[in-house]
Each structure stands twice: as structure tokens, then as C-alpha cells.
Amino acid sequence: MIVGVDIWDLRVAKTGQKTVTEEYCRQFKKNRGTDIRYVFFDPRWPIYTGKMKWRIMFEHMRYQFWKQVQVPLKAWYHKCDIVFCGDYFAPYIHFGYKTVEIFYDAFFFENPEHCNKLWLKLFHHLAMPAARRCKKIVTITDYSKGRLHELAGFPLEKLVTIYPAPKTFQSDTADIKNSSRFIRPGKRYLLHVGVMEKRKNLPRLIEAFAMLTQKGFEDVDLILVGQGNGKINSDDSANVYQAIADHGLKDRVILTGYLPDEEVAPLYRNAFMYVFPSINEGFGLPILEAFRFGLPVIAANNTCLPEVGGDGMLVFNPFDPADICAKIEAVVSDNALRTELIRKGRDRLHFFSWEKATAQLTDVFREVCKKA
């Protein structure tokens, strides 16, 4: 069996999609020599990621040309049985191969107001018809599977849930000096890692943190790793900056911007707690990353997050800053609770591994080829 793997996301993505593509590719390369041969489709040319509108539009057109022309031709040339795409767009044209792709969430249906109008039209008029031609669509939680069935109308038998696992940080043992400029001496800090999108709910987290500071917790900071996504409809960075200013927290809320893995790993390793206030997620990989680094986790009690974190984390109402503050205070003040959450998080982590996920995905490939 020959599987063509589209790795466009390795050149442009900075979020969970890139992590998933990276980790699957790492596992595919380990599994060479089995009954499956993998061919990696790389655009190879530089991809523009700046803010000039005409160049952004050009990249959108080039992306669709890649998906709908170049990937099919490459798959035909390599005599692929399956083309696997780790994002929402798969080739519509099939030159004798079948397609399998990943849908991480149902955001396009749940929050269309956060999407660029042109991109939304491309999704509905090109991505969705191609997705309906896929033999299987991989989802990453049962929650996402249910939402895609409900909102997109995908038959349940087409959808298969395969849980991802935490990112493999090449710098797990990195020295704290890589990130020391963000940590104030003698201060504990709460950590959040992720893009500043509206669904991440960061202004409410900042409001909750302001309540904590008013209660006298002067030795605790909040570090936010990430930056805005630059998209008019969903970027929330302006509201984050405003919330920090409104609450007078310029010296207590540290904004790092986007950081490479070698600087993120030490921040995880030395954090006191991980806080995840998102109001909509497809999975929430930082929960598992925090578990892996031995952090107690508190997270929103909605969408897929309870499915992922299980009893390994403490949950709160993400729409109630007072509840967020109360849960933070509980962990900061109670060492026994913090220790228990760390233990439960490590236990919960045993349910997730890239080896297991890859074995399930290759079973999907085999099933698709049998049906063909």
C-alpha cells in the first residue's frame, strides 16, 4: 500500500495542526519497511506568512492549486492508493486513489463569524464536497465527531475518532536560561500557551487573575505564550492588551509572543500551574503537554476539554471570572490538591500516545484499501 502524505502544514502552521502533522510524519518514518510505503508531498517553495493582503490572497490561490492540482498529480505519479491530508482540504479529483483527512473541529459551522468570508466560501464549496468524497474522516475527540455529524451531516460510519498525544519537545531538558527573561525572580507563575483567538477567552482569564491579585497573591504572575493570528474576524490580541491595561497588570501579565519549542519547554517545566479557559476546542493539546511536564491543570468545563482531561484536572465555568479565580486560588493555596492533580494528570496521560494513534490511523488506511 502506498500512502501519499500532504505536509503543507509543516511549512505554515504554528498550532496543533502542525503538531499533529509533525508527529504522524515522525511515526510514519519509523514504520518504514512495513506493508505501507509513505510518500511525503512537500511544496518546497517558500510560503508567505506576512500581512500584505495581495500576497495573502496569492497564497490562498496557490494553496488551492496545490491541493486540487499538484497533490493529485503527485499521487497519480507515485501510484498512491491513499492520499492523507492533515487539514480540512483534500483533493476533490481522485486519480485512482482514495482520500482520508482530518477534521479537528466544527469551528467553520459553530463560529462562521470568526472566519474570512472568502475562506468560508472556499470551505463550503470546495473543502466540503472533497470531504464528502473521502472514505474516512478522522476526528480527534468524540465531541468533535458528534458536532461534525450534527452540523456537517457526515455519516457516523465515515467519522473515526483517533486521539492525538502531547507534542514531542526536542528540548525537554533545555536549560531555563532560554526563557528566563520572562520569569521574575522569586515568582511563581500560571501558564497559558496558545494563539490569541476569541475562543481562547483570555480577557476573562486576565480578569480572574486581577481578582487573585486583589486577594493579596503578590508572588504569582501570569505568562501568556502566543500571539494574535492576524485575522480580522478572530484575532483577540487587542482585547487581551486592553484587559491588561484596564486591570493595571502590565507588570504581572507577561506576554512572550510566539516562541520556538526550545523556549516553550522550559516555561512548561518551571510553571506552577496550567490554566486553560477556552470556550471552544477540538482537543486542547496543551492539557496533555502540561500533564507531561508535571503541572496541575485547571480548565474550562465545556466542549471537548472534560473528555481529554478527565479527572486529571480541576474544571471551572469559563464564563465566570470569579469561578476561574476560585479554582486558581484553590490550587495555589492547597499543596495537597496540587500534588493530587499532578498525580492524576500523569495517570491520565497514559491513555494517549502517538504510537497508539498511528496504529489506529494505519488500520483506517488498511480498511479503506480493503473496501476499495
Protein backbone atom coordinates (compact mmCIF):
# COMPACT_ATOMS: atom_id res chain seq x y z
CA MET A 1 0.00 0.00 0.00
CA ILE A 2 1.31 3.45 -0.94
CA VAL A 3 0.11 6.43 1.11
CA GLY A 4 0.78 9.97 -0.04
CA VAL A 5 1.03 12.42 2.88
CA ASP A 6 0.43 16.13 2.31
CA ILE A 7 2.83 18.05 4.55
CA TRP A 8 1.91 21.63 3.57
CA ASP A 9 1.17 22.38 7.25
CA LEU A 10 4.79 21.80 8.23
CA ARG A 11 5.65 24.98 6.33
CA VAL A 12 2.89 27.29 7.56
CA ALA A 13 1.03 26.06 10.67
CA LYS A 14 2.08 27.04 14.19
CA THR A 15 -0.71 25.44 16.20
CA GLY A 16 -1.99 21.95 16.94
CA GLN A 17 -2.34 21.12 13.25
CA LYS A 18 1.40 21.40 12.81
CA THR A 19 1.99 19.26 15.90
CA VAL A 20 -0.29 16.51 14.60
CA THR A 21 1.32 16.53 11.14
CA GLU A 22 4.84 16.51 12.62
CA GLU A 23 4.11 13.64 14.98
CA TYR A 24 2.37 11.46 12.41
CA CYS A 25 5.23 12.03 9.94
CA ARG A 26 7.73 11.07 12.64
CA GLN A 27 5.84 7.84 13.28
CA PHE A 28 5.37 7.09 9.58
CA LYS A 29 9.14 7.33 9.07
CA LYS A 30 9.72 4.96 12.00
CA ASN A 31 7.33 2.44 10.43
CA ARG A 32 9.06 2.26 7.06
CA GLY A 33 9.61 -1.30 5.93
CA THR A 34 6.10 -2.45 6.86
CA ASP A 35 3.31 -3.16 4.37
CA ILE A 36 2.77 0.59 3.93
CA ARG A 37 5.10 2.87 1.98
CA TYR A 38 4.78 6.59 2.67
CA VAL A 39 5.46 9.33 0.14
CA PHE A 40 5.64 12.87 1.52
CA PHE A 41 4.27 15.68 -0.64
CA ASP A 42 6.17 18.88 0.18
CA PRO A 43 5.51 22.14 -1.73
CA ARG A 44 9.22 23.02 -1.20
CA TRP A 45 8.78 26.66 -2.22
CA PRO A 46 8.79 29.49 0.39
CA ILE A 47 5.29 30.31 1.63
CA TYR A 48 4.42 33.89 2.51
CA THR A 49 3.08 34.35 6.08
CA GLY A 50 3.14 38.15 6.32
CA LYS A 51 0.30 40.70 6.33
CA MET A 52 0.24 42.11 2.78
CA LYS A 53 -3.30 41.42 1.52
CA TRP A 54 -2.45 40.77 -2.12
CA ARG A 55 0.26 38.29 -1.16
CA ILE A 56 -2.08 36.57 1.29
CA MET A 57 -4.67 36.22 -1.49
CA PHE A 58 -1.99 34.85 -3.80
CA GLU A 59 -1.00 32.26 -1.19
CA HIS A 60 -4.65 31.21 -0.80
CA MET A 61 -4.82 30.64 -4.57
CA ARG A 62 -1.53 28.76 -4.54
CA TYR A 63 -2.75 26.62 -1.64
CA GLN A 64 -5.85 25.58 -3.60
CA PHE A 65 -3.74 24.92 -6.70
CA TRP A 66 -1.53 22.73 -4.54
CA LYS A 67 -4.47 20.81 -3.10
CA GLN A 68 -6.55 20.40 -6.24
CA VAL A 69 -3.87 20.07 -8.94
CA GLN A 70 -0.39 19.34 -7.67
CA VAL A 71 -1.25 16.83 -4.93
CA PRO A 72 -3.49 14.78 -7.28
CA LEU A 73 -0.75 14.74 -9.93
CA LYS A 74 1.89 13.71 -7.40
CA ALA A 75 -0.40 10.97 -6.08
CA TRP A 76 -1.01 9.71 -9.62
CA TYR A 77 2.71 9.78 -10.43
CA HIS A 78 3.59 7.77 -7.30
CA LYS A 79 0.69 5.35 -7.85
CA CYS A 80 -0.75 6.12 -4.42
CA ASP A 81 -3.58 4.05 -3.00
CA ILE A 82 -4.45 6.72 -0.43
CA VAL A 83 -3.83 10.44 -0.04
CA PHE A 84 -3.79 11.59 3.59
CA CYS A 85 -4.35 15.29 4.40
CA GLY A 86 -3.87 16.60 7.92
CA ASP A 87 -6.14 19.60 7.46
CA TYR A 88 -9.62 20.47 6.22
CA PHE A 89 -8.87 20.46 2.50
CA ALA A 90 -8.39 17.29 0.45
CA PRO A 91 -8.23 16.83 -3.33
CA TYR A 92 -11.63 16.61 -4.97
CA ILE A 93 -10.24 14.82 -8.04
CA HIS A 94 -9.29 11.16 -7.49
CA PHE A 95 -6.89 9.55 -9.95
CA GLY A 96 -7.45 6.00 -8.75
CA TYR A 97 -6.69 6.76 -5.09
CA LYS A 98 -8.88 7.23 -2.02
CA THR A 99 -8.64 10.15 0.40
CA VAL A 100 -8.52 10.28 4.19
CA GLU A 101 -8.32 13.58 6.03
CA ILE A 102 -8.51 15.12 9.50
CA PHE A 103 -11.24 17.47 10.69
CA TYR A 104 -10.07 18.85 14.03
CA ASP A 105 -13.29 20.60 14.98
CA ALA A 106 -16.53 22.11 13.69
CA PHE A 107 -15.49 25.76 14.09
CA PHE A 108 -16.48 26.63 10.50
CA PHE A 109 -20.05 25.71 11.38
CA GLU A 110 -20.11 26.86 15.01
CA ASN A 111 -18.47 30.28 14.59
CA PRO A 112 -18.68 31.37 10.95
CA GLU A 113 -18.45 34.98 12.12
CA HIS A 114 -14.80 34.33 13.07
CA CYS A 115 -13.91 33.27 9.53
CA ASN A 116 -12.87 35.27 6.50
CA LYS A 117 -15.85 35.33 4.10
CA LEU A 118 -13.84 34.18 1.08
CA TRP A 119 -12.21 31.39 3.08
CA LEU A 120 -15.62 30.32 4.36
CA LYS A 121 -16.95 30.11 0.79
CA LEU A 122 -13.95 28.03 -0.27
CA PHE A 123 -14.55 25.75 2.68
CA HIS A 124 -18.22 25.17 1.90
CA HIS A 125 -17.90 24.98 -1.90
CA LEU A 126 -14.60 23.12 -2.23
CA ALA A 127 -13.45 21.57 1.05
CA MET A 128 -16.84 20.11 1.95
CA PRO A 129 -17.51 18.43 -1.43
CA ALA A 130 -13.99 16.95 -1.29
CA ALA A 131 -14.58 15.80 2.29
CA ARG A 132 -17.78 14.03 1.27
CA ARG A 133 -15.71 12.06 -1.25
CA CYS A 134 -13.27 10.95 1.48
CA LYS A 135 -13.59 7.33 2.53
CA LYS A 136 -12.87 8.26 6.14
CA ILE A 137 -12.65 11.49 8.11
CA VAL A 138 -10.54 11.38 11.24
CA THR A 139 -11.70 13.44 14.20
CA ILE A 140 -9.68 13.98 17.35
CA THR A 141 -12.38 13.73 20.03
CA ASP A 142 -15.80 12.14 20.28
CA TYR A 143 -17.10 15.65 20.97
CA SER A 144 -15.84 16.86 17.57
CA LYS A 145 -17.17 13.71 15.94
CA GLY A 146 -20.64 14.40 17.29
CA ARG A 147 -20.57 18.06 16.26
CA LEU A 148 -19.43 17.21 12.72
CA HIS A 149 -22.19 14.64 12.41
CA GLU A 150 -24.75 17.12 13.71
CA LEU A 151 -23.65 20.28 11.88
CA ALA A 152 -21.94 19.00 8.72
CA GLY A 153 -24.12 15.94 8.19
CA PHE A 154 -21.25 13.47 7.91
CA PRO A 155 -22.48 9.90 8.49
CA LEU A 156 -21.16 8.45 11.74
CA GLU A 157 -19.70 5.47 9.86
CA LYS A 158 -17.47 7.86 7.89
CA LEU A 159 -16.11 9.50 11.06
CA VAL A 160 -13.48 7.85 13.25
CA THR A 161 -12.03 9.30 16.47
CA ILE A 162 -8.28 8.98 16.97
CA TYR A 163 -6.87 10.84 19.97
CA PRO A 164 -3.57 12.67 19.41
CA ALA A 165 -0.88 12.85 22.10
CA PRO A 166 1.37 15.57 23.53
CA LYS A 167 3.99 17.21 21.38
CA THR A 168 7.47 15.72 21.41
CA PHE A 169 9.66 18.59 22.59
CA GLN A 170 13.18 18.03 21.33
CA SER A 171 14.36 20.32 24.14
CA ASP A 172 12.69 18.58 27.09
CA THR A 173 15.91 19.08 29.08
CA ALA A 174 16.50 22.63 27.89
CA ASP A 175 18.03 24.99 30.40
CA ILE A 176 15.76 27.60 31.93
CA LYS A 177 18.10 30.37 30.68
CA ASN A 178 16.34 30.13 27.28
CA SER A 179 13.19 31.59 28.84
CA SER A 180 14.48 33.30 31.98
CA ARG A 181 13.75 36.77 30.59
CA PHE A 182 10.04 36.08 31.10
CA ILE A 183 10.27 34.85 34.70
CA ARG A 184 10.59 37.28 37.59
CA PRO A 185 12.97 36.07 40.32
CA GLY A 186 11.16 34.53 43.27
CA LYS A 187 7.78 34.49 41.49
CA ARG A 188 5.54 31.55 40.76
CA TYR A 189 3.58 31.77 37.54
CA LEU A 190 0.44 30.46 35.88
CA LEU A 191 0.92 29.45 32.25
CA HIS A 192 -1.19 29.52 29.10
CA VAL A 193 0.14 28.52 25.66
CA GLY A 194 -1.88 29.26 22.55
CA VAL A 195 -2.83 31.71 19.84
CA MET A 196 -4.76 34.80 20.95
CA GLU A 197 -8.09 33.97 19.33
CA LYS A 198 -11.51 35.00 20.64
CA ARG A 199 -12.44 31.43 21.55
CA LYS A 200 -9.42 31.22 23.86
CA ASN A 201 -11.24 33.51 26.32
CA LEU A 202 -8.07 35.20 27.55
CA PRO A 203 -9.65 38.52 28.67
CA ARG A 204 -11.74 36.58 31.21
CA LEU A 205 -8.62 34.78 32.42
CA ILE A 206 -6.94 38.16 32.90
CA GLU A 207 -10.00 39.40 34.81
CA ALA A 208 -9.86 36.32 37.05
CA PHE A 209 -6.14 36.89 37.60
CA ALA A 210 -6.87 40.50 38.60
CA MET A 211 -9.25 39.16 41.26
CA LEU A 212 -6.46 36.88 42.50
CA THR A 213 -4.02 39.78 42.82
CA GLN A 214 -6.61 41.76 44.79
CA LYS A 215 -6.67 38.92 47.31
CA GLY A 216 -3.01 39.50 48.08
CA PHE A 217 -1.23 36.87 45.96
CA GLU A 218 1.69 39.10 45.11
CA ASP A 219 4.11 36.25 44.35
CA VAL A 220 2.10 34.88 41.39
CA ASP A 221 2.41 36.05 37.76
CA LEU A 222 0.57 35.02 34.59
CA ILE A 223 2.59 34.15 31.48
CA LEU A 224 0.76 34.04 28.14
CA VAL A 225 2.73 32.34 25.36
CA GLY A 226 1.47 33.13 21.88
CA GLN A 227 0.35 35.97 19.66
CA GLY A 228 -2.66 37.08 17.65
CA ASN A 229 -3.44 35.23 14.45
CA GLY A 230 -3.66 38.44 12.38
CA LYS A 231 -7.18 37.61 11.19
CA ILE A 232 -9.71 40.44 11.49
CA ASN A 233 -12.60 38.18 12.44
CA SER A 234 -10.99 36.06 15.16
CA ASP A 235 -7.86 37.84 16.46
CA ASP A 236 -8.34 38.80 20.11
CA SER A 237 -4.95 40.33 20.88
CA ALA A 238 -6.34 43.88 21.10
CA ASN A 239 -8.82 42.80 23.78
CA VAL A 240 -6.05 40.99 25.65
CA TYR A 241 -3.89 44.13 25.71
CA GLN A 242 -6.89 46.22 26.78
CA ALA A 243 -7.79 43.83 29.62
CA ILE A 244 -4.21 44.00 30.93
CA ALA A 245 -4.30 47.81 30.84
CA ASP A 246 -7.77 48.05 32.38
CA HIS A 247 -6.71 45.97 35.38
CA GLY A 248 -3.28 47.58 35.77
CA LEU A 249 -1.46 44.28 35.26
CA LYS A 250 1.31 45.30 32.88
CA ASP A 251 3.99 44.04 35.28
CA ARG A 252 2.11 40.89 36.32
CA VAL A 253 0.90 39.51 32.98
CA ILE A 254 3.87 38.62 30.79
CA LEU A 255 3.30 38.37 27.04
CA THR A 256 6.01 36.37 25.28
CA GLY A 257 4.71 36.39 21.72
CA TYR A 258 5.31 33.31 19.60
CA LEU A 259 8.15 31.15 20.95
CA PRO A 260 10.02 28.19 19.44
CA ASP A 261 9.84 24.82 21.19
CA GLU A 262 13.20 25.25 22.90
CA GLU A 263 11.80 28.22 24.81
CA VAL A 264 8.30 26.84 25.43
CA ALA A 265 9.58 23.64 27.06
CA PRO A 266 11.38 25.40 29.96
CA LEU A 267 8.31 27.56 30.60
CA TYR A 268 6.21 24.42 30.95
CA ARG A 269 8.82 22.76 33.12
CA ASN A 270 9.05 25.65 35.59
CA ALA A 271 5.41 26.75 35.73
CA PHE A 272 3.35 26.41 38.89
CA MET A 273 0.05 25.65 37.16
CA TYR A 274 -1.52 25.47 33.70
CA VAL A 275 -4.81 27.35 33.08
CA PHE A 276 -6.98 26.66 30.01
CA PRO A 277 -10.08 28.96 29.85
CA SER A 278 -11.07 28.26 26.21
CA ILE A 279 -14.78 28.26 25.33
CA ASN A 280 -14.37 26.07 22.24
CA GLU A 281 -11.73 23.47 21.40
CA GLY A 282 -11.38 20.49 19.10
CA PHE A 283 -8.97 18.80 21.50
CA GLY A 284 -6.73 21.02 23.64
CA LEU A 285 -3.21 19.59 23.26
CA PRO A 286 -1.71 21.92 25.91
CA ILE A 287 -3.61 19.93 28.56
CA LEU A 288 -1.57 16.83 27.72
CA GLU A 289 1.63 18.86 27.37
CA ALA A 290 1.05 20.25 30.87
CA PHE A 291 0.40 16.74 32.21
CA ARG A 292 3.65 15.60 30.63
CA PHE A 293 5.61 18.35 32.38
CA GLY A 294 4.02 17.52 35.73
CA LEU A 295 1.78 20.57 36.06
CA PRO A 296 -1.58 20.73 37.81
CA VAL A 297 -4.20 21.75 35.24
CA ILE A 298 -7.40 23.72 35.62
CA ALA A 299 -9.59 24.07 32.55
CA ALA A 300 -13.00 25.07 31.22
CA ASN A 301 -15.79 22.58 31.79
CA ASN A 302 -17.09 22.73 28.22
CA THR A 303 -16.79 21.26 24.70
CA CYS A 304 -14.15 18.50 24.48
CA LEU A 305 -11.93 19.52 27.40
CA PRO A 306 -13.51 17.23 30.06
CA GLU A 307 -13.22 14.33 27.57
CA VAL A 308 -9.48 14.97 27.20
CA GLY A 309 -8.50 15.90 30.76
CA GLY A 310 -10.84 13.52 32.57
CA ASP A 311 -10.32 13.50 36.33
CA GLY A 312 -6.74 14.72 35.83
CA MET A 313 -7.76 18.35 36.07
CA LEU A 314 -9.94 20.76 38.00
CA VAL A 315 -12.70 22.44 35.96
CA PHE A 316 -14.40 25.83 36.09
CA ASN A 317 -17.12 27.82 34.33
CA PRO A 318 -15.18 29.74 31.64
CA PHE A 319 -17.84 32.48 31.52
CA ASP A 320 -17.45 33.27 35.25
CA PRO A 321 -14.16 35.01 36.17
CA ALA A 322 -14.97 34.55 39.88
CA ASP A 323 -15.11 30.77 39.42
CA ILE A 324 -11.85 30.79 37.45
CA CYS A 325 -10.25 32.81 40.25
CA ALA A 326 -11.60 30.45 42.93
CA LYS A 327 -10.11 27.40 41.19
CA ILE A 328 -6.75 29.12 40.73
CA GLU A 329 -6.73 30.14 44.38
CA ALA A 330 -7.59 26.59 45.47
CA VAL A 331 -4.55 25.13 43.70
CA VAL A 332 -2.22 27.98 44.71
CA SER A 333 -3.24 27.66 48.37
CA ASP A 334 -3.54 23.87 48.75
CA ASN A 335 -0.36 21.86 48.19
CA ALA A 336 -2.18 18.58 48.74
CA LEU A 337 -4.66 19.41 45.96
CA ARG A 338 -1.83 20.46 43.66
CA THR A 339 0.03 17.19 44.32
CA GLU A 340 -3.12 15.16 43.68
CA LEU A 341 -3.80 16.92 40.38
CA ILE A 342 -0.21 16.30 39.23
CA ARG A 343 -0.55 12.58 40.01
CA LYS A 344 -3.93 12.28 38.29
CA GLY A 345 -2.64 14.18 35.26
CA ARG A 346 0.28 11.79 34.84
CA ASP A 347 -2.10 8.84 35.16
CA ARG A 348 -4.43 10.36 32.57
CA LEU A 349 -1.54 10.81 30.16
CA HIS A 350 -1.21 7.01 29.82
CA PHE A 351 -4.33 7.00 27.63
CA PHE A 352 -2.57 8.97 24.89
CA SER A 353 0.41 8.06 22.69
CA TRP A 354 1.49 8.73 19.13
CA GLU A 355 2.32 5.06 18.66
CA LYS A 356 -1.26 4.13 19.51
CA ALA A 357 -2.69 6.91 17.35
CA THR A 358 -0.55 5.89 14.36
CA ALA A 359 -1.55 2.23 14.74
CA GLN A 360 -5.22 3.27 14.67
CA LEU A 361 -4.64 5.51 11.64
CA THR A 362 -2.86 2.77 9.68
CA ASP A 363 -5.78 0.45 10.49
CA VAL A 364 -8.01 3.07 8.86
CA PHE A 365 -5.77 3.06 5.77
CA ARG A 366 -5.99 -0.74 5.55
CA GLU A 367 -9.75 -0.70 5.96
CA VAL A 368 -10.13 1.91 3.22
CA CYS A 369 -7.98 -0.14 0.83
CA LYS A 370 -9.96 -3.31 1.55
CA LYS A 371 -13.21 -1.55 0.79
CA ALA A 372 -11.71 -0.18 -2.42
